[in-house]
């Protein structure tokens, strides 16, 4: 399986999952990034990926939704 990029390359879904993990692990825990925002970030980096795919990958990586990742001050 792979994901297309804007340049037409096919990248491994493992690469996309690793990038997703990096983004979530370094996000502001008081203002976590939603799946829609994650999709926009990865699309901005050149990956052609749907929000539902981001949701599927996030769940496989065992990260909860943004609402549940939020930390109170």
PDB file of N, CA and C in Angstrom:
ATOM      1  N   UNK A   1       0.834  -1.183   0.000  1.00  0.00           N
ATOM      2  CA  UNK A   1       0.000   0.000   0.000  1.00  0.00           C
ATOM      3  C   UNK A   1       0.873   1.239   0.000  1.00  0.00           C
ATOM      4  N   UNK A   2       0.364   2.300  -0.571  1.00  0.00           N
ATOM      5  CA  UNK A   2       1.111   3.531  -0.584  1.00  0.00           C
ATOM      6  C   UNK A   2       0.197   4.725  -0.779  1.00  0.00           C
ATOM      7  N   UNK A   3       0.780   5.880  -0.629  1.00  0.00           N
ATOM      8  CA  UNK A   3       0.075   7.155  -0.767  1.00  0.00           C
ATOM      9  C   UNK A   3       0.762   7.948  -1.875  1.00  0.00           C
ATOM     10  N   UNK A   4      -0.035   8.550  -2.744  1.00  0.00           N
ATOM     11  CA  UNK A   4       0.522   9.406  -3.792  1.00  0.00           C
ATOM     12  C   UNK A   4       0.938  10.747  -3.203  1.00  0.00           C
ATOM     13  N   UNK A   5       1.937  11.337  -3.828  1.00  0.00           N
ATOM     14  CA  UNK A   5       2.342  12.689  -3.461  1.00  0.00           C
ATOM     15  C   UNK A   5       2.007  13.615  -4.614  1.00  0.00           C
ATOM     16  N   UNK A   6       2.129  14.914  -4.361  1.00  0.00           N
ATOM     17  CA  UNK A   6       1.860  15.903  -5.411  1.00  0.00           C
ATOM     18  C   UNK A   6       2.797  15.727  -6.596  1.00  0.00           C
ATOM     19  N   UNK A   7       4.008  15.240  -6.342  1.00  0.00           N
ATOM     20  CA  UNK A   7       4.977  15.068  -7.422  1.00  0.00           C
ATOM     21  C   UNK A   7       4.767  13.768  -8.197  1.00  0.00           C
ATOM     22  N   UNK A   8       3.764  12.966  -7.787  1.00  0.00           N
ATOM     23  CA  UNK A   8       3.465  11.737  -8.497  1.00  0.00           C
ATOM     24  C   UNK A   8       4.160  10.511  -7.939  1.00  0.00           C
ATOM     25  N   UNK A   9       4.979  10.682  -6.911  1.00  0.00           N
ATOM     26  CA  UNK A   9       5.663   9.553  -6.286  1.00  0.00           C
ATOM     27  C   UNK A   9       4.678   8.759  -5.435  1.00  0.00           C
ATOM     28  N   UNK A  10       5.007   7.512  -5.210  1.00  0.00           N
ATOM     29  CA  UNK A  10       4.237   6.669  -4.313  1.00  0.00           C
ATOM     30  C   UNK A  10       5.090   6.449  -3.074  1.00  0.00           C
ATOM     31  N   UNK A  11       4.593   6.884  -1.904  1.00  0.00           N
ATOM     32  CA  UNK A  11       5.347   6.696  -0.664  1.00  0.00           C
ATOM     33  C   UNK A  11       4.635   5.663   0.202  1.00  0.00           C
ATOM     34  N   UNK A  12       5.394   4.991   1.022  1.00  0.00           N
ATOM     35  CA  UNK A  12       4.869   3.953   1.901  1.00  0.00           C
ATOM     36  C   UNK A  12       3.899   4.555   2.911  1.00  0.00           C
ATOM     37  N   UNK A  13       2.833   3.802   3.233  1.00  0.00           N
ATOM     38  CA  UNK A  13       1.922   4.293   4.259  1.00  0.00           C
ATOM     39  C   UNK A  13       2.613   4.318   5.623  1.00  0.00           C
ATOM     40  N   UNK A  14       3.675   3.545   5.789  1.00  0.00           N
ATOM     41  CA  UNK A  14       4.464   3.578   7.020  1.00  0.00           C
ATOM     42  C   UNK A  14       5.128   4.938   7.186  1.00  0.00           C
ATOM     43  N   UNK A  15       5.607   5.513   6.086  1.00  0.00           N
ATOM     44  CA  UNK A  15       6.203   6.848   6.124  1.00  0.00           C
ATOM     45  C   UNK A  15       5.166   7.878   6.568  1.00  0.00           C
ATOM     46  N   UNK A  16       3.955   7.757   6.038  1.00  0.00           N
ATOM     47  CA  UNK A  16       2.884   8.689   6.401  1.00  0.00           C
ATOM     48  C   UNK A  16       2.514   8.510   7.875  1.00  0.00           C
ATOM     49  N   UNK A  17       2.439   7.265   8.338  1.00  0.00           N
ATOM     50  CA  UNK A  17       2.121   7.016   9.748  1.00  0.00           C
ATOM     51  C   UNK A  17       3.203   7.581  10.663  1.00  0.00           C
ATOM     52  N   UNK A  18       4.470   7.429  10.268  1.00  0.00           N
ATOM     53  CA  UNK A  18       5.563   7.978  11.067  1.00  0.00           C
ATOM     54  C   UNK A  18       5.473   9.490  11.148  1.00  0.00           C
ATOM     55  N   UNK A  19       5.146  10.136  10.032  1.00  0.00           N
ATOM     56  CA  UNK A  19       5.005  11.599  10.021  1.00  0.00           C
ATOM     57  C   UNK A  19       3.824  12.019  10.895  1.00  0.00           C
ATOM     58  N   UNK A  20       2.726  11.265  10.828  1.00  0.00           N
ATOM     59  CA  UNK A  20       1.548  11.539  11.645  1.00  0.00           C
ATOM     60  C   UNK A  20       1.890  11.418  13.130  1.00  0.00           C
ATOM     61  N   UNK A  21       2.642  10.370  13.484  1.00  0.00           N
ATOM     62  CA  UNK A  21       3.070  10.182  14.874  1.00  0.00           C
ATOM     63  C   UNK A  21       3.908  11.373  15.335  1.00  0.00           C
ATOM     64  N   UNK A  22       4.848  11.823  14.509  1.00  0.00           N
ATOM     65  CA  UNK A  22       5.691  12.974  14.859  1.00  0.00           C
ATOM     66  C   UNK A  22       4.849  14.211  15.141  1.00  0.00           C
ATOM     67  N   UNK A  23       3.880  14.465  14.271  1.00  0.00           N
ATOM     68  CA  UNK A  23       3.035  15.654  14.428  1.00  0.00           C
ATOM     69  C   UNK A  23       2.250  15.578  15.727  1.00  0.00           C
ATOM     70  N   UNK A  24       1.618  14.443  15.992  1.00  0.00           N
ATOM     71  CA  UNK A  24       0.782  14.315  17.193  1.00  0.00           C
ATOM     72  C   UNK A  24       1.629  14.372  18.460  1.00  0.00           C
ATOM     73  N   UNK A  25       2.805  13.744  18.451  1.00  0.00           N
ATOM     74  CA  UNK A  25       3.648  13.738  19.646  1.00  0.00           C
ATOM     75  C   UNK A  25       4.216  15.118  19.970  1.00  0.00           C
ATOM     76  N   UNK A  26       4.340  15.986  18.971  1.00  0.00           N
ATOM     77  CA  UNK A  26       4.920  17.308  19.208  1.00  0.00           C
ATOM     78  C   UNK A  26       3.881  18.424  19.250  1.00  0.00           C
ATOM     79  N   UNK A  27       2.587  18.077  19.149  1.00  0.00           N
ATOM     80  CA  UNK A  27       1.547  19.109  19.159  1.00  0.00           C
ATOM     81  C   UNK A  27       1.409  19.735  20.538  1.00  0.00           C
ATOM     82  N   UNK A  28       0.794  20.889  20.578  1.00  0.00           N
ATOM     83  CA  UNK A  28       0.469  21.565  21.831  1.00  0.00           C
ATOM     84  C   UNK A  28      -0.649  20.770  22.493  1.00  0.00           C
ATOM     85  N   UNK A  29      -0.369  20.188  23.655  1.00  0.00           N
ATOM     86  CA  UNK A  29      -1.347  19.321  24.319  1.00  0.00           C
ATOM     87  C   UNK A  29      -2.542  20.097  24.874  1.00  0.00           C
ATOM     88  N   UNK A  30      -2.414  21.414  24.974  1.00  0.00           N
ATOM     89  CA  UNK A  30      -3.545  22.238  25.414  1.00  0.00           C
ATOM     90  C   UNK A  30      -4.449  22.597  24.241  1.00  0.00           C
ATOM     91  N   UNK A  31      -3.931  22.428  23.039  1.00  0.00           N
ATOM     92  CA  UNK A  31      -4.705  22.719  21.831  1.00  0.00           C
ATOM     93  C   UNK A  31      -4.352  21.684  20.760  1.00  0.00           C
ATOM     94  N   UNK A  32      -4.807  20.427  20.946  1.00  0.00           N
ATOM     95  CA  UNK A  32      -4.434  19.359  20.005  1.00  0.00           C
ATOM     96  C   UNK A  32      -5.012  19.577  18.610  1.00  0.00           C
ATOM     97  N   UNK A  33      -4.391  18.934  17.645  1.00  0.00           N
ATOM     98  CA  UNK A  33      -4.745  19.111  16.234  1.00  0.00           C
ATOM     99  C   UNK A  33      -5.824  18.103  15.843  1.00  0.00           C
ATOM    100  N   UNK A  34      -6.897  18.578  15.238  1.00  0.00           N
ATOM    101  CA  UNK A  34      -7.992  17.703  14.805  1.00  0.00           C
ATOM    102  C   UNK A  34      -7.580  16.898  13.578  1.00  0.00           C
ATOM    103  N   UNK A  35      -8.357  15.860  13.260  1.00  0.00           N
ATOM    104  CA  UNK A  35      -8.079  15.050  12.078  1.00  0.00           C
ATOM    105  C   UNK A  35      -8.135  15.898  10.805  1.00  0.00           C
ATOM    106  N   UNK A  36      -9.066  16.841  10.761  1.00  0.00           N
ATOM    107  CA  UNK A  36      -9.186  17.727   9.595  1.00  0.00           C
ATOM    108  C   UNK A  36      -7.918  18.574   9.440  1.00  0.00           C
ATOM    109  N   UNK A  37      -7.424  19.111  10.562  1.00  0.00           N
ATOM    110  CA  UNK A  37      -6.196  19.915  10.521  1.00  0.00           C
ATOM    111  C   UNK A  37      -4.980  19.051  10.171  1.00  0.00           C
ATOM    112  N   UNK A  38      -4.954  17.812  10.687  1.00  0.00           N
ATOM    113  CA  UNK A  38      -3.865  16.885  10.342  1.00  0.00           C
ATOM    114  C   UNK A  38      -3.859  16.612   8.845  1.00  0.00           C
ATOM    115  N   UNK A  39      -5.060  16.435   8.279  1.00  0.00           N
ATOM    116  CA  UNK A  39      -5.185  16.208   6.839  1.00  0.00           C
ATOM    117  C   UNK A  39      -4.625  17.394   6.072  1.00  0.00           C
ATOM    118  N   UNK A  40      -4.999  18.602   6.492  1.00  0.00           N
ATOM    119  CA  UNK A  40      -4.515  19.812   5.815  1.00  0.00           C
ATOM    120  C   UNK A  40      -2.997  19.942   5.916  1.00  0.00           C
ATOM    121  N   UNK A  41      -2.437  19.614   7.081  1.00  0.00           N
ATOM    122  CA  UNK A  41      -0.978  19.673   7.259  1.00  0.00           C
ATOM    123  C   UNK A  41      -0.271  18.708   6.312  1.00  0.00           C
ATOM    124  N   UNK A  42      -0.739  17.461   6.275  1.00  0.00           N
ATOM    125  CA  UNK A  42      -0.090  16.459   5.424  1.00  0.00           C
ATOM    126  C   UNK A  42      -0.304  16.767   3.946  1.00  0.00           C
ATOM    127  N   UNK A  43      -1.464  17.299   3.591  1.00  0.00           N
ATOM    128  CA  UNK A  43      -1.680  17.712   2.195  1.00  0.00           C
ATOM    129  C   UNK A  43      -0.738  18.861   1.845  1.00  0.00           C
ATOM    130  N   UNK A  44      -0.509  19.752   2.807  1.00  0.00           N
ATOM    131  CA  UNK A  44       0.424  20.851   2.606  1.00  0.00           C
ATOM    132  C   UNK A  44       1.858  20.379   2.424  1.00  0.00           C
ATOM    133  N   UNK A  45       2.163  19.202   2.969  1.00  0.00           N
ATOM    134  CA  UNK A  45       3.497  18.610   2.814  1.00  0.00           C
ATOM    135  C   UNK A  45       3.599  17.782   1.539  1.00  0.00           C
ATOM    136  N   UNK A  46       2.491  17.715   0.776  1.00  0.00           N
ATOM    137  CA  UNK A  46       2.542  17.047  -0.514  1.00  0.00           C
ATOM    138  C   UNK A  46       1.897  15.675  -0.575  1.00  0.00           C
ATOM    139  N   UNK A  47       1.368  15.186   0.538  1.00  0.00           N
ATOM    140  CA  UNK A  47       0.713  13.880   0.533  1.00  0.00           C
ATOM    141  C   UNK A  47      -0.748  14.046   0.130  1.00  0.00           C
ATOM    142  N   UNK A  48      -1.208  13.217  -0.804  1.00  0.00           N
ATOM    143  CA  UNK A  48      -2.626  13.224  -1.182  1.00  0.00           C
ATOM    144  C   UNK A  48      -3.318  12.201  -0.303  1.00  0.00           C
ATOM    145  N   UNK A  49      -4.012  12.678   0.728  1.00  0.00           N
ATOM    146  CA  UNK A  49      -4.589  11.765   1.710  1.00  0.00           C
ATOM    147  C   UNK A  49      -5.924  12.308   2.200  1.00  0.00           C
ATOM    148  N   UNK A  50      -6.873  11.429   2.418  1.00  0.00           N
ATOM    149  CA  UNK A  50      -8.212  11.824   2.872  1.00  0.00           C
ATOM    150  C   UNK A  50      -8.279  11.841   4.401  1.00  0.00           C
ATOM    151  N   UNK A  51      -9.215  12.622   4.926  1.00  0.00           N
ATOM    152  CA  UNK A  51      -9.388  12.702   6.375  1.00  0.00           C
ATOM    153  C   UNK A  51      -9.696  11.339   6.969  1.00  0.00           C
ATOM    154  N   UNK A  52     -10.518  10.545   6.293  1.00  0.00           N
ATOM    155  CA  UNK A  52     -10.866   9.225   6.845  1.00  0.00           C
ATOM    156  C   UNK A  52      -9.642   8.317   6.923  1.00  0.00           C
ATOM    157  N   UNK A  53      -8.685   8.507   6.028  1.00  0.00           N
ATOM    158  CA  UNK A  53      -7.446   7.733   6.079  1.00  0.00           C
ATOM    159  C   UNK A  53      -6.606   8.182   7.270  1.00  0.00           C
ATOM    160  N   UNK A  54      -6.565   9.485   7.511  1.00  0.00           N
ATOM    161  CA  UNK A  54      -5.864  10.019   8.683  1.00  0.00           C
ATOM    162  C   UNK A  54      -6.471   9.438   9.952  1.00  0.00           C
ATOM    163  N   UNK A  55      -7.801   9.404  10.017  1.00  0.00           N
ATOM    164  CA  UNK A  55      -8.488   8.853  11.182  1.00  0.00           C
ATOM    165  C   UNK A  55      -8.116   7.385  11.379  1.00  0.00           C
ATOM    166  N   UNK A  56      -8.106   6.621  10.297  1.00  0.00           N
ATOM    167  CA  UNK A  56      -7.756   5.201  10.367  1.00  0.00           C
ATOM    168  C   UNK A  56      -6.323   5.026  10.863  1.00  0.00           C
ATOM    169  N   UNK A  57      -5.392   5.801  10.316  1.00  0.00           N
ATOM    170  CA  UNK A  57      -3.991   5.698  10.733  1.00  0.00           C
ATOM    171  C   UNK A  57      -3.822   6.127  12.194  1.00  0.00           C
ATOM    172  N   UNK A  58      -4.505   7.189  12.612  1.00  0.00           N
ATOM    173  CA  UNK A  58      -4.416   7.674  13.994  1.00  0.00           C
ATOM    174  C   UNK A  58      -4.895   6.586  14.948  1.00  0.00           C
ATOM    175  N   UNK A  59      -5.997   5.926  14.590  1.00  0.00           N
ATOM    176  CA  UNK A  59      -6.521   4.855  15.435  1.00  0.00           C
ATOM    177  C   UNK A  59      -5.566   3.666  15.484  1.00  0.00           C
ATOM    178  N   UNK A  60      -4.939   3.319  14.360  1.00  0.00           N
ATOM    179  CA  UNK A  60      -3.964   2.221  14.344  1.00  0.00           C
ATOM    180  C   UNK A  60      -2.749   2.539  15.208  1.00  0.00           C
ATOM    181  N   UNK A  61      -2.398   3.829  15.279  1.00  0.00           N
ATOM    182  CA  UNK A  61      -1.272   4.259  16.100  1.00  0.00           C
ATOM    183  C   UNK A  61      -1.667   4.416  17.569  1.00  0.00           C
ATOM    184  N   UNK A  62      -2.966   4.147  17.862  1.00  0.00           N
ATOM    185  CA  UNK A  62      -3.509   4.189  19.218  1.00  0.00           C
ATOM    186  C   UNK A  62      -3.496   5.588  19.833  1.00  0.00           C
ATOM    187  N   UNK A  63      -3.723   6.609  19.010  1.00  0.00           N
ATOM    188  CA  UNK A  63      -3.903   7.967  19.505  1.00  0.00           C
ATOM    189  C   UNK A  63      -5.399   8.256  19.555  1.00  0.00           C
ATOM    190  N   UNK A  64      -5.898   8.798  20.672  1.00  0.00           N
ATOM    191  CA  UNK A  64      -7.322   9.147  20.740  1.00  0.00           C
ATOM    192  C   UNK A  64      -7.623  10.394  19.906  1.00  0.00           C
ATOM    193  N   UNK A  65      -8.886  10.748  19.843  1.00  0.00           N
ATOM    194  CA  UNK A  65      -9.286  11.959  19.116  1.00  0.00           C
ATOM    195  C   UNK A  65      -8.675  13.186  19.782  1.00  0.00           C
ATOM    196  N   UNK A  66      -8.687  14.303  19.080  1.00  0.00           N
ATOM    197  CA  UNK A  66      -8.107  15.548  19.613  1.00  0.00           C
ATOM    198  C   UNK A  66      -8.750  15.927  20.935  1.00  0.00           C
ATOM    199  N   UNK A  67     -10.053  15.752  21.018  1.00  0.00           N
ATOM    200  CA  UNK A  67     -10.773  16.116  22.243  1.00  0.00           C
ATOM    201  C   UNK A  67     -10.232  15.341  23.443  1.00  0.00           C
ATOM    202  N   UNK A  68      -9.906  14.071  23.249  1.00  0.00           N
ATOM    203  CA  UNK A  68      -9.400  13.244  24.345  1.00  0.00           C
ATOM    204  C   UNK A  68      -7.899  13.416  24.588  1.00  0.00           C
ATOM    205  N   UNK A  69      -7.178  14.003  23.635  1.00  0.00           N
ATOM    206  CA  UNK A  69      -5.743  14.279  23.815  1.00  0.00           C
ATOM    207  C   UNK A  69      -5.514  15.598  24.536  1.00  0.00           C
ATOM    208  N   UNK A  70      -6.556  16.388  24.685  1.00  0.00           N
ATOM    209  CA  UNK A  70      -6.431  17.719  25.299  1.00  0.00           C
ATOM    210  C   UNK A  70      -6.059  17.588  26.780  1.00  0.00           C
ATOM    211  N   UNK A  71      -5.108  18.401  27.201  1.00  0.00           N
ATOM    212  CA  UNK A  71      -4.714  18.463  28.601  1.00  0.00           C
ATOM    213  C   UNK A  71      -5.189  19.795  29.177  1.00  0.00           C
ATOM    214  N   UNK A  72      -5.747  19.735  30.356  1.00  0.00           N
ATOM    215  CA  UNK A  72      -6.205  20.966  31.000  1.00  0.00           C
ATOM    216  C   UNK A  72      -5.033  21.641  31.683  1.00  0.00           C
ATOM    217  N   UNK A  73      -5.116  22.943  31.806  1.00  0.00           N
ATOM    218  CA  UNK A  73      -4.009  23.716  32.392  1.00  0.00           C
ATOM    219  C   UNK A  73      -3.902  23.518  33.877  1.00  0.00           C
TER     220      UNK A  73
END
